[in-house]
Amino acid sequence: MRSHSLIAVGCLSLTLAACKRDVPWREPLGARVVGSTVQAGAPLKLSSAAGPESMNALNASLPPATYTAQQAARGKQVYESTCARCHPPGQLDGATFATAWKNRRIYDLYSLVSNTMPQDKPGTLSDEQYLDVIAYLLQRNSAAAGAALAADTAAMKHVRIDVAGSTAASASRPGAQ
C-alpha cells in the first residue's frame, strides 16, 4: 500500500513537471473565448459573467487610456510583421473595434492579446511589444494620445478604452493605410 502512495506521488510530480511552460505566466482575462476553435482572421467572441453592457457602464467612469506616438509607431511595426497576416485591415478598426472594446478596461485587451497572440505562438512577444501593439490599435481607432501605456496591470485595470467607433473616424485616423 505504501509503495502505491510513493508511486502516485512520483507520477504526480512528473505530471506537474511536464506541464511547465516556457512562456511566462500572465494574469488571466476576466472574459473568456467562446467556442472550441479560433480560426485565423476570425474576430474573437468574448463572453463575461457580468455581461458586456453592464461592464461597459461600470467602466465608463474610468479615465481613458492614452499612449504615445512613439509607442504607436513601434506597435505599427510589430503589427505589420506579426499580426497583419491574420488580422487584415478593417478587422480591428472603426465600429468593429468599438463594438467589442469601447469602455472596456485596457487591461482586458492587454490580457487577451498577451495571452492568446500571436495565435501560432501565444505569449512570445515582450510586454513592451504587446503594449506597443495596443497603442497602435488605439491610434488606429482615434483614441487620444497622451501619457504612455505602462506595463502595470494594476494601473491598466483603472483606465478604459475610449474610441470613436465610426468607420469615418477610422478612415481618417493617423497612420491609416
Protein backbone atom coordinates (compact mmCIF):
# COMPACT_ATOMS: atom_id res chain seq x y z
CA MET A 1 0.00 0.00 0.00
CA ARG A 2 2.80 2.39 0.93
CA SER A 3 4.64 1.72 -2.34
CA HIS A 4 1.46 2.63 -4.25
CA SER A 5 1.38 6.01 -2.47
CA LEU A 6 5.02 6.66 -3.37
CA ILE A 7 4.35 5.75 -6.99
CA ALA A 8 1.32 8.05 -7.07
CA VAL A 9 3.36 10.95 -5.63
CA GLY A 10 6.10 10.29 -8.18
CA CYS A 11 3.63 10.25 -11.06
CA LEU A 12 2.05 13.48 -9.84
CA SER A 13 5.47 15.13 -9.66
CA LEU A 14 6.29 14.03 -13.21
CA THR A 15 2.92 15.25 -14.45
CA LEU A 16 3.39 18.67 -12.88
CA ALA A 17 6.92 18.92 -14.28
CA ALA A 18 5.59 18.10 -17.75
CA CYS A 19 3.09 20.96 -17.50
CA LYS A 20 5.85 23.56 -17.12
CA ARG A 21 5.54 26.24 -19.80
CA ASP A 22 8.40 28.06 -21.48
CA VAL A 23 6.18 31.15 -21.74
CA PRO A 24 5.96 33.28 -18.58
CA TRP A 25 2.61 33.23 -16.79
CA ARG A 26 0.33 36.23 -17.28
CA GLU A 27 -2.78 37.07 -15.33
CA PRO A 28 -5.96 35.51 -16.75
CA LEU A 29 -8.54 37.61 -18.54
CA GLY A 30 -11.92 38.28 -16.94
CA ALA A 31 -13.60 37.33 -20.22
CA ARG A 32 -13.24 34.02 -21.99
CA VAL A 33 -13.13 32.96 -25.62
CA VAL A 34 -16.43 31.38 -26.66
CA GLY A 35 -16.33 28.33 -28.91
CA SER A 36 -13.88 25.50 -29.21
CA THR A 37 -11.73 26.83 -32.03
CA VAL A 38 -10.47 30.15 -33.26
CA GLN A 39 -9.80 30.46 -36.97
CA ALA A 40 -7.10 32.71 -38.37
CA GLY A 41 -8.55 36.07 -39.29
CA ALA A 42 -11.82 35.49 -37.42
CA PRO A 43 -12.72 38.01 -34.71
CA LEU A 44 -12.68 36.64 -31.19
CA LYS A 45 -16.05 36.36 -29.48
CA LEU A 46 -15.97 37.21 -25.81
CA SER A 47 -18.31 36.31 -23.01
CA SER A 48 -18.41 37.67 -19.50
CA ALA A 49 -20.43 36.69 -16.45
CA ALA A 50 -21.39 40.34 -15.83
CA GLY A 51 -22.36 40.92 -19.48
CA PRO A 52 -20.66 43.43 -21.75
CA GLU A 53 -23.31 46.13 -21.31
CA SER A 54 -23.02 46.22 -17.52
CA MET A 55 -19.21 46.05 -17.71
CA ASN A 56 -19.15 48.99 -20.11
CA ALA A 57 -21.45 51.02 -17.89
CA LEU A 58 -19.22 50.38 -14.85
CA ASN A 59 -16.06 51.21 -16.78
CA ALA A 60 -17.45 54.38 -18.41
CA SER A 61 -16.49 56.42 -15.33
CA LEU A 62 -12.82 55.37 -15.61
CA PRO A 63 -10.40 57.78 -17.29
CA PRO A 64 -9.47 56.95 -20.88
CA ALA A 65 -6.23 55.12 -21.62
CA THR A 66 -3.63 57.06 -23.56
CA TYR A 67 -0.48 56.17 -25.47
CA THR A 68 2.44 57.98 -27.03
CA ALA A 69 3.09 58.44 -30.73
CA GLN A 70 6.37 56.54 -30.25
CA GLN A 71 4.52 53.54 -28.78
CA ALA A 72 2.05 53.56 -31.67
CA ALA A 73 4.87 53.77 -34.24
CA ARG A 74 6.66 50.80 -32.68
CA GLY A 75 3.33 48.98 -32.42
CA LYS A 76 2.67 49.52 -36.12
CA GLN A 77 5.95 47.79 -36.95
CA VAL A 78 5.13 44.82 -34.68
CA TYR A 79 1.57 44.66 -36.01
CA GLU A 80 2.68 44.65 -39.64
CA SER A 81 5.33 41.97 -39.07
CA THR A 82 3.37 39.74 -36.67
CA CYS A 83 -0.36 40.49 -36.53
CA ALA A 84 -1.41 41.61 -40.03
CA ARG A 85 -1.11 38.13 -41.54
CA CYS A 86 -4.15 37.02 -39.50
CA HIS A 87 -5.82 40.39 -38.82
CA PRO A 88 -6.25 42.24 -42.13
CA PRO A 89 -7.02 45.99 -42.32
CA GLY A 90 -10.53 46.81 -41.16
CA GLN A 91 -10.93 43.89 -38.79
CA LEU A 92 -9.67 45.82 -35.76
CA ASP A 93 -10.87 49.28 -36.83
CA GLY A 94 -13.89 51.51 -36.50
CA ALA A 95 -17.26 50.16 -35.50
CA THR A 96 -15.99 46.57 -35.28
CA PHE A 97 -13.33 47.50 -32.73
CA ALA A 98 -15.59 49.97 -30.88
CA THR A 99 -18.39 47.43 -30.50
CA ALA A 100 -16.01 44.94 -28.92
CA TRP A 101 -13.82 47.28 -26.87
CA LYS A 102 -15.32 50.76 -26.23
CA ASN A 103 -15.37 51.43 -22.47
CA ARG A 104 -13.69 48.13 -21.68
CA ARG A 105 -10.65 48.29 -19.41
CA ILE A 106 -7.33 48.47 -21.27
CA TYR A 107 -6.31 45.53 -19.08
CA ASP A 108 -8.95 43.35 -20.77
CA LEU A 109 -7.43 43.98 -24.19
CA TYR A 110 -3.86 43.63 -22.92
CA SER A 111 -4.65 40.35 -21.18
CA LEU A 112 -6.42 38.90 -24.21
CA VAL A 113 -3.67 39.90 -26.63
CA SER A 114 -0.75 38.89 -24.39
CA ASN A 115 -2.27 35.51 -23.54
CA THR A 116 -3.56 34.49 -26.98
CA MET A 117 -1.46 36.24 -29.62
CA PRO A 118 0.23 35.60 -31.90
CA GLN A 119 -2.12 32.71 -32.46
CA ASP A 120 0.65 30.32 -33.52
CA LYS A 121 2.93 31.25 -30.56
CA PRO A 122 0.88 32.92 -27.78
CA GLY A 123 2.78 34.97 -25.22
CA THR A 124 6.00 35.16 -27.23
CA LEU A 125 6.19 38.94 -27.62
CA SER A 126 7.65 41.13 -24.89
CA ASP A 127 5.36 43.15 -22.60
CA GLU A 128 6.59 46.29 -24.37
CA GLN A 129 5.67 44.84 -27.79
CA TYR A 130 2.16 43.96 -26.58
CA LEU A 131 1.71 47.47 -25.18
CA ASP A 132 3.01 49.00 -28.41
CA VAL A 133 0.53 46.97 -30.49
CA ILE A 134 -2.30 48.10 -28.21
CA ALA A 135 -1.11 51.71 -28.58
CA TYR A 136 -1.21 51.24 -32.36
CA LEU A 137 -4.75 49.83 -32.16
CA LEU A 138 -5.82 52.81 -30.05
CA GLN A 139 -4.27 55.19 -32.58
CA ARG A 140 -5.96 53.39 -35.50
CA ASN A 141 -9.27 53.87 -33.70
CA SER A 142 -8.81 57.59 -33.00
CA ALA A 143 -8.18 57.32 -29.26
CA ALA A 144 -6.43 60.33 -27.74
CA ALA A 145 -2.66 60.28 -27.40
CA GLY A 146 -1.08 61.42 -24.14
CA ALA A 147 0.87 59.62 -21.45
CA ALA A 148 2.46 56.28 -22.30
CA LEU A 149 0.72 52.98 -21.66
CA ALA A 150 2.62 51.42 -18.77
CA ALA A 151 3.36 47.74 -18.18
CA ASP A 152 1.45 47.84 -14.90
CA THR A 153 -1.55 45.51 -14.92
CA ALA A 154 -2.98 47.08 -11.75
CA ALA A 155 -2.96 50.52 -13.40
CA MET A 156 -4.44 49.05 -16.62
CA LYS A 157 -7.49 47.98 -14.64
CA HIS A 158 -8.24 51.63 -13.86
CA VAL A 159 -8.32 53.08 -17.38
CA ARG A 160 -10.73 52.37 -20.21
CA ILE A 161 -10.64 52.21 -23.98
CA ASP A 162 -12.23 55.34 -25.42
CA VAL A 163 -12.62 55.13 -29.19
CA ALA A 164 -14.86 56.91 -31.68
CA GLY A 165 -16.40 53.80 -33.23
CA SER A 166 -17.29 55.21 -36.62
CA THR A 167 -15.79 53.92 -39.83
CA ALA A 168 -15.29 57.50 -40.98
CA ALA A 169 -13.13 58.19 -37.92
CA SER A 170 -11.01 55.11 -38.58
CA ALA A 171 -10.57 56.05 -42.23
CA SER A 172 -9.07 59.39 -41.24
CA ARG A 173 -7.01 58.04 -38.36
CA PRO A 174 -3.29 58.81 -38.07
CA GLY A 175 -1.20 56.17 -39.77
CA ALA A 176 -4.08 54.86 -41.88
CA GLN A 177 -3.01 52.52 -44.65
